[in-house]
């Protein structure tokens, strides 16, 4: 599983991907692997009232990746609450972002893995 940004013919970057660019409506033409890149924390928060199966407290951040002089932002869980705005983070794959048994969907019906962001 990779963490991917998507680029349209007009060089707009988005995450997550869309069939058509949200900025110009052109079809997305390529993906950029963000898995081995670092990002900067733009803002972050801690949620103590989380959905079923999500860890408490749940540290979340909006992070910004730089790709060929352009930026793309995404939101995700942090591995720790010991961070500050401007800190550099890297994506770390985890098998379960939430407990599959605590959700309302069948555990086998979706992929529970994803990425958290860890300070560099």
PDB file of N, CA and C in Angstrom:
ATOM      1  N   UNK A   1       0.845  -1.180   0.000  1.00  0.00           N
ATOM      2  CA  UNK A   1       0.000   0.000   0.000  1.00  0.00           C
ATOM      3  C   UNK A   1       0.887   1.239   0.000  1.00  0.00           C
ATOM      4  N   UNK A   2       0.618   2.157  -0.912  1.00  0.00           N
ATOM      5  CA  UNK A   2       1.396   3.389  -0.977  1.00  0.00           C
ATOM      6  C   UNK A   2       0.507   4.586  -0.661  1.00  0.00           C
ATOM      7  N   UNK A   3       1.127   5.639  -0.214  1.00  0.00           N
ATOM      8  CA  UNK A   3       0.462   6.913   0.011  1.00  0.00           C
ATOM      9  C   UNK A   3       0.710   7.736  -1.239  1.00  0.00           C
ATOM     10  N   UNK A   4      -0.352   8.028  -1.995  1.00  0.00           N
ATOM     11  CA  UNK A   4      -0.179   8.650  -3.307  1.00  0.00           C
ATOM     12  C   UNK A   4      -0.912   9.975  -3.432  1.00  0.00           C
ATOM     13  N   UNK A   5      -0.223  10.928  -4.059  1.00  0.00           N
ATOM     14  CA  UNK A   5      -0.852  12.158  -4.522  1.00  0.00           C
ATOM     15  C   UNK A   5      -1.175  11.962  -5.994  1.00  0.00           C
ATOM     16  N   UNK A   6      -2.088  12.740  -6.513  1.00  0.00           N
ATOM     17  CA  UNK A   6      -2.494  12.642  -7.916  1.00  0.00           C
ATOM     18  C   UNK A   6      -2.272  13.982  -8.597  1.00  0.00           C
ATOM     19  N   UNK A   7      -1.821  13.916  -9.873  1.00  0.00           N
ATOM     20  CA  UNK A   7      -1.521  15.133 -10.632  1.00  0.00           C
ATOM     21  C   UNK A   7      -2.332  15.139 -11.919  1.00  0.00           C
ATOM     22  N   UNK A   8      -2.910  16.293 -12.239  1.00  0.00           N
ATOM     23  CA  UNK A   8      -3.658  16.454 -13.487  1.00  0.00           C
ATOM     24  C   UNK A   8      -2.736  17.056 -14.547  1.00  0.00           C
ATOM     25  N   UNK A   9      -3.184  17.172 -15.806  1.00  0.00           N
ATOM     26  CA  UNK A   9      -2.339  17.744 -16.861  1.00  0.00           C
ATOM     27  C   UNK A   9      -1.930  19.196 -16.600  1.00  0.00           C
ATOM     28  N   UNK A  10      -2.686  19.910 -15.742  1.00  0.00           N
ATOM     29  CA  UNK A  10      -2.355  21.302 -15.421  1.00  0.00           C
ATOM     30  C   UNK A  10      -1.455  21.415 -14.189  1.00  0.00           C
ATOM     31  N   UNK A  11      -0.904  20.284 -13.746  1.00  0.00           N
ATOM     32  CA  UNK A  11       0.069  20.217 -12.661  1.00  0.00           C
ATOM     33  C   UNK A  11      -0.516  20.498 -11.275  1.00  0.00           C
ATOM     34  N   UNK A  12      -1.841  20.361 -11.110  1.00  0.00           N
ATOM     35  CA  UNK A  12      -2.455  20.483  -9.792  1.00  0.00           C
ATOM     36  C   UNK A  12      -2.305  19.150  -9.064  1.00  0.00           C
ATOM     37  N   UNK A  13      -1.973  19.214  -7.787  1.00  0.00           N
ATOM     38  CA  UNK A  13      -1.802  18.018  -6.971  1.00  0.00           C
ATOM     39  C   UNK A  13      -2.953  17.884  -5.982  1.00  0.00           C
ATOM     40  N   UNK A  14      -3.425  16.660  -5.779  1.00  0.00           N
ATOM     41  CA  UNK A  14      -4.478  16.408  -4.800  1.00  0.00           C
ATOM     42  C   UNK A  14      -4.199  15.121  -4.045  1.00  0.00           C
ATOM     43  N   UNK A  15      -4.707  15.080  -2.858  1.00  0.00           N
ATOM     44  CA  UNK A  15      -4.756  13.848  -2.070  1.00  0.00           C
ATOM     45  C   UNK A  15      -5.995  13.942  -1.206  1.00  0.00           C
ATOM     46  N   UNK A  16      -6.865  12.965  -1.207  1.00  0.00           N
ATOM     47  CA  UNK A  16      -6.787  11.751  -2.008  1.00  0.00           C
ATOM     48  C   UNK A  16      -7.078  12.048  -3.473  1.00  0.00           C
ATOM     49  N   UNK A  17      -6.900  11.029  -4.286  1.00  0.00           N
ATOM     50  CA  UNK A  17      -7.129  11.187  -5.719  1.00  0.00           C
ATOM     51  C   UNK A  17      -8.606  11.271  -6.062  1.00  0.00           C
ATOM     52  N   UNK A  18      -8.889  11.850  -7.188  1.00  0.00           N
ATOM     53  CA  UNK A  18     -10.244  11.988  -7.725  1.00  0.00           C
ATOM     54  C   UNK A  18     -10.194  11.638  -9.207  1.00  0.00           C
ATOM     55  N   UNK A  19     -11.292  11.186  -9.794  1.00  0.00           N
ATOM     56  CA  UNK A  19     -11.273  10.924 -11.241  1.00  0.00           C
ATOM     57  C   UNK A  19     -10.938  12.187 -12.038  1.00  0.00           C
ATOM     58  N   UNK A  20     -11.410  13.329 -11.541  1.00  0.00           N
ATOM     59  CA  UNK A  20     -11.139  14.610 -12.196  1.00  0.00           C
ATOM     60  C   UNK A  20     -10.597  15.594 -11.166  1.00  0.00           C
ATOM     61  N   UNK A  21      -9.687  16.436 -11.586  1.00  0.00           N
ATOM     62  CA  UNK A  21      -9.053  17.412 -10.709  1.00  0.00           C
ATOM     63  C   UNK A  21     -10.107  18.332 -10.089  1.00  0.00           C
ATOM     64  N   UNK A  22     -10.111  18.494  -8.766  1.00  0.00           N
ATOM     65  CA  UNK A  22     -11.070  19.393  -8.125  1.00  0.00           C
ATOM     66  C   UNK A  22     -10.868  20.871  -8.491  1.00  0.00           C
ATOM     67  N   UNK A  23      -9.658  21.200  -8.971  1.00  0.00           N
ATOM     68  CA  UNK A  23      -9.359  22.592  -9.291  1.00  0.00           C
ATOM     69  C   UNK A  23      -9.734  22.977 -10.722  1.00  0.00           C
ATOM     70  N   UNK A  24      -9.500  22.055 -11.695  1.00  0.00           N
ATOM     71  CA  UNK A  24      -9.728  22.414 -13.097  1.00  0.00           C
ATOM     72  C   UNK A  24     -10.602  21.414 -13.858  1.00  0.00           C
ATOM     73  N   UNK A  25     -10.991  20.325 -13.217  1.00  0.00           N
ATOM     74  CA  UNK A  25     -11.880  19.294 -13.785  1.00  0.00           C
ATOM     75  C   UNK A  25     -11.225  18.422 -14.860  1.00  0.00           C
ATOM     76  N   UNK A  26      -9.934  18.561 -15.079  1.00  0.00           N
ATOM     77  CA  UNK A  26      -9.228  17.685 -16.015  1.00  0.00           C
ATOM     78  C   UNK A  26      -9.056  16.304 -15.374  1.00  0.00           C
ATOM     79  N   UNK A  27      -9.011  15.251 -16.189  1.00  0.00           N
ATOM     80  CA  UNK A  27      -8.772  13.915 -15.628  1.00  0.00           C
ATOM     81  C   UNK A  27      -7.386  13.840 -14.976  1.00  0.00           C
ATOM     82  N   UNK A  28      -7.298  13.130 -13.863  1.00  0.00           N
ATOM     83  CA  UNK A  28      -6.001  12.926 -13.218  1.00  0.00           C
ATOM     84  C   UNK A  28      -5.138  12.087 -14.149  1.00  0.00           C
ATOM     85  N   UNK A  29      -3.870  12.437 -14.322  1.00  0.00           N
ATOM     86  CA  UNK A  29      -3.039  11.722 -15.296  1.00  0.00           C
ATOM     87  C   UNK A  29      -1.943  10.866 -14.686  1.00  0.00           C
ATOM     88  N   UNK A  30      -1.536  11.158 -13.443  1.00  0.00           N
ATOM     89  CA  UNK A  30      -0.461  10.361 -12.861  1.00  0.00           C
ATOM     90  C   UNK A  30      -0.560  10.366 -11.344  1.00  0.00           C
ATOM     91  N   UNK A  31       0.164   9.432 -10.739  1.00  0.00           N
ATOM     92  CA  UNK A  31       0.244   9.385  -9.283  1.00  0.00           C
ATOM     93  C   UNK A  31       1.695   9.609  -8.868  1.00  0.00           C
ATOM     94  N   UNK A  32       1.855  10.179  -7.686  1.00  0.00           N
ATOM     95  CA  UNK A  32       3.174  10.424  -7.122  1.00  0.00           C
ATOM     96  C   UNK A  32       3.226   9.722  -5.777  1.00  0.00           C
ATOM     97  N   UNK A  33       4.184   8.844  -5.584  1.00  0.00           N
ATOM     98  CA  UNK A  33       4.342   8.101  -4.343  1.00  0.00           C
ATOM     99  C   UNK A  33       4.926   9.022  -3.270  1.00  0.00           C
ATOM    100  N   UNK A  34       4.181   9.207  -2.184  1.00  0.00           N
ATOM    101  CA  UNK A  34       4.627  10.047  -1.073  1.00  0.00           C
ATOM    102  C   UNK A  34       5.231   9.230   0.066  1.00  0.00           C
ATOM    103  N   UNK A  35       5.221   7.916  -0.067  1.00  0.00           N
ATOM    104  CA  UNK A  35       5.598   7.008   1.010  1.00  0.00           C
ATOM    105  C   UNK A  35       6.987   7.278   1.576  1.00  0.00           C
ATOM    106  N   UNK A  36       7.954   7.598   0.740  1.00  0.00           N
ATOM    107  CA  UNK A  36       9.329   7.793   1.198  1.00  0.00           C
ATOM    108  C   UNK A  36       9.709   9.264   1.335  1.00  0.00           C
ATOM    109  N   UNK A  37       8.723  10.148   1.332  1.00  0.00           N
ATOM    110  CA  UNK A  37       8.986  11.582   1.456  1.00  0.00           C
ATOM    111  C   UNK A  37       8.675  12.049   2.878  1.00  0.00           C
ATOM    112  N   UNK A  38       9.143  13.229   3.192  1.00  0.00           N
ATOM    113  CA  UNK A  38       8.780  13.840   4.468  1.00  0.00           C
ATOM    114  C   UNK A  38       7.831  15.000   4.198  1.00  0.00           C
ATOM    115  N   UNK A  39       7.096  15.369   5.241  1.00  0.00           N
ATOM    116  CA  UNK A  39       6.131  16.455   5.154  1.00  0.00           C
ATOM    117  C   UNK A  39       6.307  17.363   6.368  1.00  0.00           C
ATOM    118  N   UNK A  40       5.638  18.500   6.337  1.00  0.00           N
ATOM    119  CA  UNK A  40       5.676  19.445   7.445  1.00  0.00           C
ATOM    120  C   UNK A  40       4.286  19.558   8.063  1.00  0.00           C
ATOM    121  N   UNK A  41       4.222  19.565   9.388  1.00  0.00           N
ATOM    122  CA  UNK A  41       2.935  19.731  10.069  1.00  0.00           C
ATOM    123  C   UNK A  41       2.457  21.168   9.897  1.00  0.00           C
ATOM    124  N   UNK A  42       1.264  21.315   9.313  1.00  0.00           N
ATOM    125  CA  UNK A  42       0.650  22.629   9.124  1.00  0.00           C
ATOM    126  C   UNK A  42      -0.159  22.991  10.371  1.00  0.00           C
ATOM    127  N   UNK A  43      -0.906  22.024  10.887  1.00  0.00           N
ATOM    128  CA  UNK A  43      -1.664  22.184  12.120  1.00  0.00           C
ATOM    129  C   UNK A  43      -1.967  20.805  12.669  1.00  0.00           C
ATOM    130  N   UNK A  44      -2.295  20.727  13.944  1.00  0.00           N
ATOM    131  CA  UNK A  44      -2.600  19.434  14.539  1.00  0.00           C
ATOM    132  C   UNK A  44      -3.521  19.618  15.733  1.00  0.00           C
ATOM    133  N   UNK A  45      -4.155  18.523  16.141  1.00  0.00           N
ATOM    134  CA  UNK A  45      -5.067  18.549  17.272  1.00  0.00           C
ATOM    135  C   UNK A  45      -5.121  17.161  17.897  1.00  0.00           C
ATOM    136  N   UNK A  46      -5.717  17.091  19.069  1.00  0.00           N
ATOM    137  CA  UNK A  46      -5.936  15.812  19.744  1.00  0.00           C
ATOM    138  C   UNK A  46      -7.423  15.657  19.989  1.00  0.00           C
ATOM    139  N   UNK A  47      -7.974  14.550  19.525  1.00  0.00           N
ATOM    140  CA  UNK A  47      -9.384  14.236  19.750  1.00  0.00           C
ATOM    141  C   UNK A  47      -9.482  13.236  20.889  1.00  0.00           C
ATOM    142  N   UNK A  48     -10.337  13.553  21.862  1.00  0.00           N
ATOM    143  CA  UNK A  48     -10.565  12.616  22.969  1.00  0.00           C
ATOM    144  C   UNK A  48     -11.932  11.957  22.861  1.00  0.00           C
ATOM    145  N   UNK A  49     -12.751  12.422  21.931  1.00  0.00           N
ATOM    146  CA  UNK A  49     -14.062  11.817  21.673  1.00  0.00           C
ATOM    147  C   UNK A  49     -13.999  11.176  20.292  1.00  0.00           C
ATOM    148  N   UNK A  50     -13.505   9.955  20.244  1.00  0.00           N
ATOM    149  CA  UNK A  50     -13.242   9.296  18.971  1.00  0.00           C
ATOM    150  C   UNK A  50     -14.352   8.316  18.615  1.00  0.00           C
ATOM    151  N   UNK A  51     -14.487   7.990  17.325  1.00  0.00           N
ATOM    152  CA  UNK A  51     -15.454   6.970  16.905  1.00  0.00           C
ATOM    153  C   UNK A  51     -15.085   5.604  17.480  1.00  0.00           C
ATOM    154  N   UNK A  52     -16.024   4.671  17.494  1.00  0.00           N
ATOM    155  CA  UNK A  52     -15.731   3.330  18.007  1.00  0.00           C
ATOM    156  C   UNK A  52     -14.526   2.708  17.303  1.00  0.00           C
ATOM    157  N   UNK A  53     -13.629   2.168  18.097  1.00  0.00           N
ATOM    158  CA  UNK A  53     -12.465   1.483  17.553  1.00  0.00           C
ATOM    159  C   UNK A  53     -11.265   2.354  17.276  1.00  0.00           C
ATOM    160  N   UNK A  54     -11.403   3.669  17.390  1.00  0.00           N
ATOM    161  CA  UNK A  54     -10.278   4.575  17.161  1.00  0.00           C
ATOM    162  C   UNK A  54      -9.632   4.871  18.511  1.00  0.00           C
ATOM    163  N   UNK A  55      -8.331   4.839  18.552  1.00  0.00           N
ATOM    164  CA  UNK A  55      -7.604   5.013  19.810  1.00  0.00           C
ATOM    165  C   UNK A  55      -7.919   6.356  20.468  1.00  0.00           C
ATOM    166  N   UNK A  56      -7.824   6.358  21.784  1.00  0.00           N
ATOM    167  CA  UNK A  56      -8.007   7.596  22.553  1.00  0.00           C
ATOM    168  C   UNK A  56      -6.774   7.827  23.394  1.00  0.00           C
ATOM    169  N   UNK A  57      -6.210   9.002  23.423  1.00  0.00           N
ATOM    170  CA  UNK A  57      -6.545  10.112  22.547  1.00  0.00           C
ATOM    171  C   UNK A  57      -6.033   9.853  21.133  1.00  0.00           C
ATOM    172  N   UNK A  58      -6.627  10.522  20.171  1.00  0.00           N
ATOM    173  CA  UNK A  58      -6.254  10.359  18.766  1.00  0.00           C
ATOM    174  C   UNK A  58      -5.638  11.662  18.286  1.00  0.00           C
ATOM    175  N   UNK A  59      -4.334  11.630  18.024  1.00  0.00           N
ATOM    176  CA  UNK A  59      -3.610  12.814  17.560  1.00  0.00           C
ATOM    177  C   UNK A  59      -3.693  12.862  16.034  1.00  0.00           C
ATOM    178  N   UNK A  60      -4.146  13.986  15.497  1.00  0.00           N
ATOM    179  CA  UNK A  60      -4.347  14.162  14.059  1.00  0.00           C
ATOM    180  C   UNK A  60      -3.603  15.397  13.571  1.00  0.00           C
ATOM    181  N   UNK A  61      -3.150  15.346  12.320  1.00  0.00           N
ATOM    182  CA  UNK A  61      -2.448  16.497  11.756  1.00  0.00           C
ATOM    183  C   UNK A  61      -2.802  16.688  10.290  1.00  0.00           C
ATOM    184  N   UNK A  62      -2.768  17.930   9.863  1.00  0.00           N
ATOM    185  CA  UNK A  62      -2.732  18.251   8.439  1.00  0.00           C
ATOM    186  C   UNK A  62      -1.260  18.464   8.129  1.00  0.00           C
ATOM    187  N   UNK A  63      -0.762  17.708   7.151  1.00  0.00           N
ATOM    188  CA  UNK A  63       0.645  17.801   6.772  1.00  0.00           C
ATOM    189  C   UNK A  63       0.753  18.211   5.308  1.00  0.00           C
ATOM    190  N   UNK A  64       1.880  18.806   4.985  1.00  0.00           N
ATOM    191  CA  UNK A  64       2.093  19.313   3.625  1.00  0.00           C
ATOM    192  C   UNK A  64       3.379  18.723   3.049  1.00  0.00           C
ATOM    193  N   UNK A  65       3.233  18.051   1.910  1.00  0.00           N
ATOM    194  CA  UNK A  65       4.361  17.509   1.166  1.00  0.00           C
ATOM    195  C   UNK A  65       4.747  18.491   0.065  1.00  0.00           C
ATOM    196  N   UNK A  66       6.033  18.599  -0.216  1.00  0.00           N
ATOM    197  CA  UNK A  66       6.530  19.392  -1.334  1.00  0.00           C
ATOM    198  C   UNK A  66       6.888  18.426  -2.456  1.00  0.00           C
ATOM    199  N   UNK A  67       6.285  18.624  -3.643  1.00  0.00           N
ATOM    200  CA  UNK A  67       6.514  17.751  -4.797  1.00  0.00           C
ATOM    201  C   UNK A  67       6.831  18.634  -5.995  1.00  0.00           C
ATOM    202  N   UNK A  68       8.078  18.615  -6.436  1.00  0.00           N
ATOM    203  CA  UNK A  68       8.514  19.380  -7.611  1.00  0.00           C
ATOM    204  C   UNK A  68       8.081  20.847  -7.531  1.00  0.00           C
ATOM    205  N   UNK A  69       8.298  21.453  -6.381  1.00  0.00           N
ATOM    206  CA  UNK A  69       7.974  22.865  -6.210  1.00  0.00           C
ATOM    207  C   UNK A  69       6.513  23.161  -5.917  1.00  0.00           C
ATOM    208  N   UNK A  70       5.675  22.151  -5.877  1.00  0.00           N
ATOM    209  CA  UNK A  70       4.244  22.308  -5.572  1.00  0.00           C
ATOM    210  C   UNK A  70       3.969  21.623  -4.237  1.00  0.00           C
ATOM    211  N   UNK A  71       2.906  22.059  -3.566  1.00  0.00           N
ATOM    212  CA  UNK A  71       2.549  21.431  -2.302  1.00  0.00           C
ATOM    213  C   UNK A  71       1.247  20.654  -2.432  1.00  0.00           C
ATOM    214  N   UNK A  72       1.151  19.616  -1.610  1.00  0.00           N
ATOM    215  CA  UNK A  72      -0.081  18.842  -1.509  1.00  0.00           C
ATOM    216  C   UNK A  72      -0.260  18.510  -0.031  1.00  0.00           C
ATOM    217  N   UNK A  73      -1.487  18.698   0.451  1.00  0.00           N
ATOM    218  CA  UNK A  73      -1.790  18.451   1.864  1.00  0.00           C
ATOM    219  C   UNK A  73      -2.652  17.219   2.034  1.00  0.00           C
ATOM    220  N   UNK A  74      -2.487  16.597   3.194  1.00  0.00           N
ATOM    221  CA  UNK A  74      -3.342  15.484   3.583  1.00  0.00           C
ATOM    222  C   UNK A  74      -3.513  15.527   5.095  1.00  0.00           C
ATOM    223  N   UNK A  75      -4.497  14.801   5.564  1.00  0.00           N
ATOM    224  CA  UNK A  75      -4.746  14.704   6.999  1.00  0.00           C
ATOM    225  C   UNK A  75      -4.554  13.266   7.421  1.00  0.00           C
ATOM    226  N   UNK A  76      -4.052  13.073   8.626  1.00  0.00           N
ATOM    227  CA  UNK A  76      -3.870  11.722   9.122  1.00  0.00           C
ATOM    228  C   UNK A  76      -3.527  11.697  10.592  1.00  0.00           C
ATOM    229  N   UNK A  77      -3.513  10.494  11.148  1.00  0.00           N
ATOM    230  CA  UNK A  77      -3.150  10.306  12.544  1.00  0.00           C
ATOM    231  C   UNK A  77      -1.650  10.523  12.725  1.00  0.00           C
ATOM    232  N   UNK A  78      -1.288  10.941  13.920  1.00  0.00           N
ATOM    233  CA  UNK A  78       0.111  11.057  14.314  1.00  0.00           C
ATOM    234  C   UNK A  78       0.471   9.879  15.209  1.00  0.00           C
ATOM    235  N   UNK A  79       1.748   9.536  15.264  1.00  0.00           N
ATOM    236  CA  UNK A  79       2.189   8.471  16.157  1.00  0.00           C
ATOM    237  C   UNK A  79       2.323   8.963  17.594  1.00  0.00           C
ATOM    238  N   UNK A  80       2.360  10.278  17.796  1.00  0.00           N
ATOM    239  CA  UNK A  80       2.546  10.869  19.112  1.00  0.00           C
ATOM    240  C   UNK A  80       1.893  12.244  19.154  1.00  0.00           C
ATOM    241  N   UNK A  81       1.585  12.697  20.341  1.00  0.00           N
ATOM    242  CA  UNK A  81       1.074  14.050  20.520  1.00  0.00           C
ATOM    243  C   UNK A  81       2.187  15.027  20.854  1.00  0.00           C
ATOM    244  N   UNK A  82       3.422  14.555  20.852  1.00  0.00           N
ATOM    245  CA  UNK A  82       4.576  15.384  21.181  1.00  0.00           C
ATOM    246  C   UNK A  82       5.143  16.012  19.909  1.00  0.00           C
ATOM    247  N   UNK A  83       4.371  16.906  19.290  1.00  0.00           N
ATOM    248  CA  UNK A  83       4.756  17.558  18.038  1.00  0.00           C
ATOM    249  C   UNK A  83       4.414  19.044  18.118  1.00  0.00           C
ATOM    250  N   UNK A  84       4.935  19.796  17.163  1.00  0.00           N
ATOM    251  CA  UNK A  84       4.630  21.214  17.034  1.00  0.00           C
ATOM    252  C   UNK A  84       4.399  21.544  15.570  1.00  0.00           C
ATOM    253  N   UNK A  85       3.688  22.628  15.323  1.00  0.00           N
ATOM    254  CA  UNK A  85       3.518  23.114  13.955  1.00  0.00           C
ATOM    255  C   UNK A  85       4.902  23.367  13.377  1.00  0.00           C
ATOM    256  N   UNK A  86       5.129  22.923  12.155  1.00  0.00           N
ATOM    257  CA  UNK A  86       6.420  23.080  11.495  1.00  0.00           C
ATOM    258  C   UNK A  86       7.328  21.879  11.624  1.00  0.00           C
ATOM    259  N   UNK A  87       6.992  20.923  12.500  1.00  0.00           N
ATOM    260  CA  UNK A  87       7.811  19.718  12.629  1.00  0.00           C
ATOM    261  C   UNK A  87       7.778  18.906  11.339  1.00  0.00           C
ATOM    262  N   UNK A  88       8.883  18.237  11.056  1.00  0.00           N
ATOM    263  CA  UNK A  88       8.976  17.353   9.901  1.00  0.00           C
ATOM    264  C   UNK A  88       8.525  15.958  10.323  1.00  0.00           C
ATOM    265  N   UNK A  89       7.691  15.330   9.492  1.00  0.00           N
ATOM    266  CA  UNK A  89       7.167  13.999   9.763  1.00  0.00           C
ATOM    267  C   UNK A  89       7.320  13.124   8.524  1.00  0.00           C
ATOM    268  N   UNK A  90       7.233  11.825   8.748  1.00  0.00           N
ATOM    269  CA  UNK A  90       7.265  10.887   7.630  1.00  0.00           C
ATOM    270  C   UNK A  90       6.107   9.917   7.789  1.00  0.00           C
ATOM    271  N   UNK A  91       5.562   9.402   6.675  1.00  0.00           N
ATOM    272  CA  UNK A  91       4.485   8.423   6.758  1.00  0.00           C
ATOM    273  C   UNK A  91       5.012   7.063   7.214  1.00  0.00           C
ATOM    274  N   UNK A  92       4.252   6.420   8.101  1.00  0.00           N
ATOM    275  CA  UNK A  92       4.587   5.096   8.605  1.00  0.00           C
ATOM    276  C   UNK A  92       3.343   4.231   8.433  1.00  0.00           C
ATOM    277  N   UNK A  93       3.479   3.117   7.707  1.00  0.00           N
ATOM    278  CA  UNK A  93       2.334   2.240   7.464  1.00  0.00           C
ATOM    279  C   UNK A  93       1.986   1.460   8.730  1.00  0.00           C
ATOM    280  N   UNK A  94       0.676   1.375   9.016  1.00  0.00           N
ATOM    281  CA  UNK A  94       0.175   0.545  10.119  1.00  0.00           C
ATOM    282  C   UNK A  94      -0.924  -0.354   9.565  1.00  0.00           C
ATOM    283  N   UNK A  95      -1.038  -1.544  10.104  1.00  0.00           N
ATOM    284  CA  UNK A  95      -2.021  -2.509   9.604  1.00  0.00           C
ATOM    285  C   UNK A  95      -3.452  -2.158   9.989  1.00  0.00           C
ATOM    286  N   UNK A  96      -3.632  -1.509  11.148  1.00  0.00           N
ATOM    287  CA  UNK A  96      -4.981  -1.157  11.582  1.00  0.00           C
ATOM    288  C   UNK A  96      -4.998   0.244  12.169  1.00  0.00           C
ATOM    289  N   UNK A  97      -5.651   1.177  11.472  1.00  0.00           N
ATOM    290  CA  UNK A  97      -5.828   2.523  12.001  1.00  0.00           C
ATOM    291  C   UNK A  97      -6.944   2.563  13.037  1.00  0.00           C
ATOM    292  N   UNK A  98      -7.801   1.557  12.980  1.00  0.00           N
ATOM    293  CA  UNK A  98      -8.870   1.406  13.977  1.00  0.00           C
ATOM    294  C   UNK A  98      -9.164  -0.073  14.137  1.00  0.00           C
ATOM    295  N   UNK A  99      -9.815  -0.419  15.210  1.00  0.00           N
ATOM    296  CA  UNK A  99     -10.146  -1.803  15.502  1.00  0.00           C
ATOM    297  C   UNK A  99     -11.280  -2.265  14.588  1.00  0.00           C
ATOM    298  N   UNK A 100     -11.042  -3.229  13.692  1.00  0.00           N
ATOM    299  CA  UNK A 100     -12.081  -3.665  12.762  1.00  0.00           C
ATOM    300  C   UNK A 100     -13.297  -4.277  13.445  1.00  0.00           C
ATOM    301  N   UNK A 101     -13.133  -4.801  14.646  1.00  0.00           N
ATOM    302  CA  UNK A 101     -14.249  -5.420  15.363  1.00  0.00           C
ATOM    303  C   UNK A 101     -15.185  -4.388  16.000  1.00  0.00           C
ATOM    304  N   UNK A 102     -14.737  -3.140  16.114  1.00  0.00           N
ATOM    305  CA  UNK A 102     -15.541  -2.113  16.784  1.00  0.00           C
ATOM    306  C   UNK A 102     -16.412  -1.314  15.815  1.00  0.00           C
ATOM    307  N   UNK A 103     -16.241  -1.505  14.526  1.00  0.00           N
ATOM    308  CA  UNK A 103     -17.003  -0.742  13.545  1.00  0.00           C
ATOM    309  C   UNK A 103     -18.354  -1.347  13.250  1.00  0.00           C
ATOM    310  N   UNK A 104     -19.146  -0.641  12.468  1.00  0.00           N
ATOM    311  CA  UNK A 104     -20.463  -1.141  12.090  1.00  0.00           C
ATOM    312  C   UNK A 104     -20.407  -1.950  10.799  1.00  0.00           C
ATOM    313  N   UNK A 105     -19.281  -1.909  10.103  1.00  0.00           N
ATOM    314  CA  UNK A 105     -19.115  -2.673   8.868  1.00  0.00           C
ATOM    315  C   UNK A 105     -18.460  -4.007   9.164  1.00  0.00           C
ATOM    316  N   UNK A 106     -18.666  -4.959   8.275  1.00  0.00           N
ATOM    317  CA  UNK A 106     -17.993  -6.246   8.388  1.00  0.00           C
ATOM    318  C   UNK A 106     -16.480  -6.016   8.285  1.00  0.00           C
ATOM    319  N   UNK A 107     -15.729  -6.633   9.171  1.00  0.00           N
ATOM    320  CA  UNK A 107     -14.278  -6.424   9.205  1.00  0.00           C
ATOM    321  C   UNK A 107     -13.617  -6.733   7.862  1.00  0.00           C
ATOM    322  N   UNK A 108     -14.097  -7.756   7.164  1.00  0.00           N
ATOM    323  CA  UNK A 108     -13.496  -8.148   5.889  1.00  0.00           C
ATOM    324  C   UNK A 108     -13.922  -7.249   4.726  1.00  0.00           C
ATOM    325  N   UNK A 109     -14.814  -6.308   4.973  1.00  0.00           N
ATOM    326  CA  UNK A 109     -15.363  -5.500   3.878  1.00  0.00           C
ATOM    327  C   UNK A 109     -14.490  -4.322   3.483  1.00  0.00           C
ATOM    328  N   UNK A 110     -13.456  -4.031   4.247  1.00  0.00           N
ATOM    329  CA  UNK A 110     -12.594  -2.920   3.867  1.00  0.00           C
ATOM    330  C   UNK A 110     -11.192  -3.117   4.405  1.00  0.00           C
ATOM    331  N   UNK A 111     -10.259  -2.347   3.857  1.00  0.00           N
ATOM    332  CA  UNK A 111      -8.876  -2.373   4.293  1.00  0.00           C
ATOM    333  C   UNK A 111      -8.754  -1.445   5.495  1.00  0.00           C
ATOM    334  N   UNK A 112      -8.245  -1.934   6.608  1.00  0.00           N
ATOM    335  CA  UNK A 112      -8.155  -1.148   7.831  1.00  0.00           C
ATOM    336  C   UNK A 112      -6.783  -0.502   7.994  1.00  0.00           C
ATOM    337  N   UNK A 113      -5.860  -0.824   7.095  1.00  0.00           N
ATOM    338  CA  UNK A 113      -4.518  -0.269   7.173  1.00  0.00           C
ATOM    339  C   UNK A 113      -4.445   1.121   6.590  1.00  0.00           C
ATOM    340  N   UNK A 114      -3.334   1.767   6.849  1.00  0.00           N
ATOM    341  CA  UNK A 114      -3.117   3.107   6.322  1.00  0.00           C
ATOM    342  C   UNK A 114      -1.836   3.682   6.885  1.00  0.00           C
ATOM    343  N   UNK A 115      -1.754   5.000   6.921  1.00  0.00           N
ATOM    344  CA  UNK A 115      -0.545   5.674   7.345  1.00  0.00           C
ATOM    345  C   UNK A 115      -0.798   6.609   8.514  1.00  0.00           C
ATOM    346  N   UNK A 116       0.155   6.601   9.423  1.00  0.00           N
ATOM    347  CA  UNK A 116       0.253   7.620  10.470  1.00  0.00           C
ATOM    348  C   UNK A 116       1.512   8.424  10.165  1.00  0.00           C
ATOM    349  N   UNK A 117       1.606   9.585  10.758  1.00  0.00           N
ATOM    350  CA  UNK A 117       2.785  10.423  10.553  1.00  0.00           C
ATOM    351  C   UNK A 117       3.617  10.454  11.824  1.00  0.00           C
ATOM    352  N   UNK A 118       4.919  10.196  11.647  1.00  0.00           N
ATOM    353  CA  UNK A 118       5.876  10.081  12.750  1.00  0.00           C
ATOM    354  C   UNK A 118       6.904  11.194  12.633  1.00  0.00           C
ATOM    355  N   UNK A 119       7.231  11.853  13.753  1.00  0.00           N
ATOM    356  CA  UNK A 119       8.288  12.881  13.684  1.00  0.00           C
ATOM    357  C   UNK A 119       9.593  12.283  13.183  1.00  0.00           C
ATOM    358  N   UNK A 120      10.305  13.081  12.406  1.00  0.00           N
ATOM    359  CA  UNK A 120      11.602  12.657  11.853  1.00  0.00           C
ATOM    360  C   UNK A 120      12.681  12.904  12.885  1.00  0.00           C
TER     361      UNK A 120
END
